[in-house]
Protein backbone atom coordinates (compact mmCIF):
# COMPACT_ATOMS: atom_id res chain seq x y z
CA MET A 1 35.84 -5.46 -37.12
CA PHE A 2 32.28 -4.59 -36.65
CA ASN A 3 31.24 -8.23 -37.07
CA LYS A 4 33.65 -9.23 -33.95
CA THR A 5 32.32 -6.92 -31.85
CA VAL A 6 28.71 -8.17 -32.80
CA VAL A 7 29.57 -11.21 -32.22
CA ALA A 8 31.51 -10.56 -28.80
CA CYS A 9 28.35 -8.83 -27.62
CA MET A 10 25.86 -11.42 -28.35
CA ILE A 11 28.20 -13.68 -26.13
CA PHE A 12 28.13 -11.48 -23.56
CA ALA A 13 24.48 -10.25 -23.32
CA SER A 14 23.71 -14.47 -23.38
CA SER A 15 25.77 -15.63 -20.61
CA SER A 16 24.81 -12.82 -18.78
CA SER A 17 23.55 -13.67 -14.64
CA ILE A 18 21.37 -10.88 -14.79
CA VAL A 19 18.25 -12.31 -16.40
CA PHE A 20 14.78 -9.86 -15.83
CA ALA A 21 11.21 -11.46 -16.08
CA LYS A 22 8.01 -9.89 -16.85
CA ALA A 23 7.28 -6.55 -14.90
CA THR A 24 3.88 -6.97 -13.07
CA PRO A 25 1.97 -3.89 -11.99
CA TYR A 26 0.12 -4.46 -8.58
CA VAL A 27 -2.34 -2.47 -6.43
CA GLY A 28 -3.05 -2.98 -2.56
CA ALA A 29 -4.65 -1.70 0.63
CA GLY A 30 -3.37 -1.70 3.94
CA ILE A 31 -3.79 -0.64 7.47
CA GLY A 32 -0.97 0.58 10.17
CA ALA A 33 -0.39 2.06 13.21
CA GLY A 34 2.35 3.02 15.47
CA ASN A 35 2.79 6.59 16.32
CA LYS A 36 0.32 7.47 13.39
CA SER A 37 -3.04 5.50 12.58
CA THR A 38 -3.38 4.71 8.92
CA LEU A 39 -5.56 3.60 5.96
CA ASN A 40 -3.53 3.44 2.83
CA ILE A 41 -3.88 2.52 -0.88
CA PHE A 42 -1.12 1.86 -2.97
CA GLY A 43 0.08 0.98 -6.62
CA GLY A 44 3.33 -0.24 -7.90
CA TYR A 45 5.24 -2.23 -10.47
CA GLY A 46 8.16 -4.64 -10.29
CA THR A 47 10.29 -7.76 -11.55
CA THR A 48 12.32 -10.36 -10.85
CA ILE A 49 15.58 -10.55 -11.49
CA GLY A 50 19.10 -12.57 -11.34
CA ALA A 51 19.80 -15.86 -13.01
CA LYS A 52 17.26 -17.79 -10.78
CA GLN A 53 14.78 -14.84 -10.18
CA GLN A 54 15.76 -14.36 -6.72
CA TYR A 55 15.88 -11.09 -6.81
CA TYR A 56 12.90 -8.14 -6.67
CA LEU A 57 13.35 -4.88 -7.86
CA GLY A 58 9.99 -2.45 -7.68
CA GLY A 59 8.67 1.36 -7.38
CA GLU A 60 5.25 2.14 -5.58
CA VAL A 61 3.53 5.27 -4.69
CA ASN A 62 0.82 5.33 -2.14
CA LEU A 63 -1.84 7.71 -0.54
CA GLU A 64 -2.28 7.64 3.12
CA ASP A 65 -5.51 8.95 5.07
CA ILE A 66 -3.62 9.50 8.10
CA GLY A 67 -6.60 10.49 10.25
CA TYR A 68 -4.98 11.77 13.18
CA SER A 69 -1.59 11.14 14.99
CA GLN A 70 -0.80 11.61 18.04
CA LEU A 71 1.05 14.98 17.76
CA ASP A 72 -1.52 17.05 15.43
CA HIS A 73 -4.05 16.69 12.97
CA VAL A 74 -3.25 15.19 9.77
CA ASN A 75 -5.50 15.10 6.80
CA TYR A 76 -3.62 13.03 4.30
CA GLY A 77 0.00 11.52 3.37
CA VAL A 78 1.34 11.18 -0.54
CA GLY A 79 4.53 8.78 -0.70
CA ALA A 80 6.83 6.93 -3.73
CA SER A 81 9.05 4.07 -2.52
CA ILE A 82 11.78 2.27 -4.42
CA ILE A 83 11.55 -1.62 -3.12
CA PRO A 84 14.30 -4.16 -3.54
CA GLY A 85 14.22 -7.74 -2.14
CA ILE A 86 15.09 -11.01 -2.10
CA TYR A 87 13.24 -14.16 -2.40
CA ILE A 88 13.54 -16.41 0.61
CA ASN A 89 11.78 -19.35 -0.45
CA SER A 90 9.35 -19.64 -3.87
CA ASN A 91 6.71 -17.58 -2.08
CA THR A 92 7.91 -15.10 0.74
CA MET A 93 10.04 -12.43 -0.43
CA ALA A 94 12.34 -9.99 2.29
CA TYR A 95 12.57 -6.69 0.95
CA ALA A 96 13.70 -3.51 2.25
CA ARG A 97 12.00 -0.12 1.72
CA ALA A 98 13.32 3.51 0.92
CA GLY A 99 11.35 6.15 -0.37
CA ILE A 100 10.05 9.91 0.47
CA GLU A 101 6.67 11.04 1.73
CA THR A 102 4.74 14.48 2.28
CA THR A 103 2.48 14.76 4.98
CA HIS A 104 -0.12 17.57 4.90
CA TYR A 105 -1.25 18.69 8.24
CA SER A 106 -4.89 20.54 8.96
CA ASN A 107 -3.32 23.20 10.69
CA SER A 108 -0.46 25.66 11.01
CA HIS A 109 2.61 22.88 10.29
CA GLY A 110 1.17 22.73 6.32
CA VAL A 111 2.94 20.07 4.40
CA LEU A 112 6.04 18.29 5.65
CA PHE A 113 8.25 15.84 3.59
CA GLY A 114 9.95 12.97 4.72
CA THR A 115 12.39 10.31 3.90
CA GLN A 116 11.12 6.65 4.29
CA LEU A 117 13.36 3.77 5.47
CA GLY A 118 11.62 -0.22 6.12
CA LEU A 119 11.96 -3.02 6.43
CA GLY A 120 8.97 -6.09 5.70
CA LEU A 121 8.18 -9.76 4.62
CA GLN A 122 5.58 -10.40 1.56
CA THR A 123 3.96 -13.77 0.94
CA ASN A 124 1.83 -15.27 -2.12
CA VAL A 125 -1.00 -16.44 -0.32
CA ALA A 126 -3.25 -17.23 -3.91
CA LYS A 127 -3.03 -16.97 -7.10
CA ASN A 128 -2.39 -13.20 -7.35
CA TRP A 129 -3.09 -12.85 -3.94
CA ASP A 130 -0.17 -11.35 -2.04
CA VAL A 131 -0.15 -10.34 2.09
CA ARG A 132 2.76 -8.04 3.35
CA GLY A 133 3.97 -6.93 6.91
CA GLU A 134 6.74 -4.07 7.30
CA TYR A 135 7.81 -1.44 9.32
CA VAL A 136 8.59 1.81 8.17
CA HIS A 137 10.21 4.85 9.65
CA THR A 138 9.90 8.24 8.09
CA ALA A 139 12.32 10.79 8.90
CA ASN A 140 11.71 14.49 9.19
CA ILE A 141 8.17 13.66 9.92
CA ASN A 142 9.60 11.33 12.95
CA THR A 143 6.86 8.67 12.46
CA ASN A 144 7.34 4.85 12.96
CA GLN A 145 4.72 2.62 11.38
CA TYR A 146 3.92 -1.01 11.64
CA GLY A 147 1.41 -2.27 8.69
CA VAL A 148 -0.15 -5.07 7.07
CA GLY A 149 -1.84 -4.93 3.72
CA VAL A 150 -2.98 -7.54 0.91
CA LEU A 151 -2.10 -6.33 -2.84
CA TYR A 152 -3.30 -7.96 -6.17
CA LYS A 153 -0.86 -8.79 -8.72
CA PHE A 154 -1.95 -8.42 -12.49
CA ASP A 155 -0.62 -11.01 -15.08
């Protein structure tokens, strides 16, 4: 019975359509505009999945030097996101962003926590180098931001 179970598990694992590629760490920097202006640095870890490696799943952390918003003085923001995506061709990925962010104010507001949702495109422009453009809405903090960035993927 044990041998049949092992063989069945091996057949199932080898025929599974979910195939993970090597995970890749990355770092980057970007600028954003909207109802707040930002300069941010970020880092993450992501991998492609699927039989044709057409899906992406990653996690990212960021630190924003926000400076000044239209509503109040803001010192900085810290966030973390999950980034699922799908490759629309061999070099370009459409992705979504779901995460959390804390914004630290220099006045009586203190610290506000918000949830982030966003959409973006990222494309490879040279070996290990990508550029991205995205829109992110942060609820509870009530910000809408359009950003561009560049990132380096370690191999």
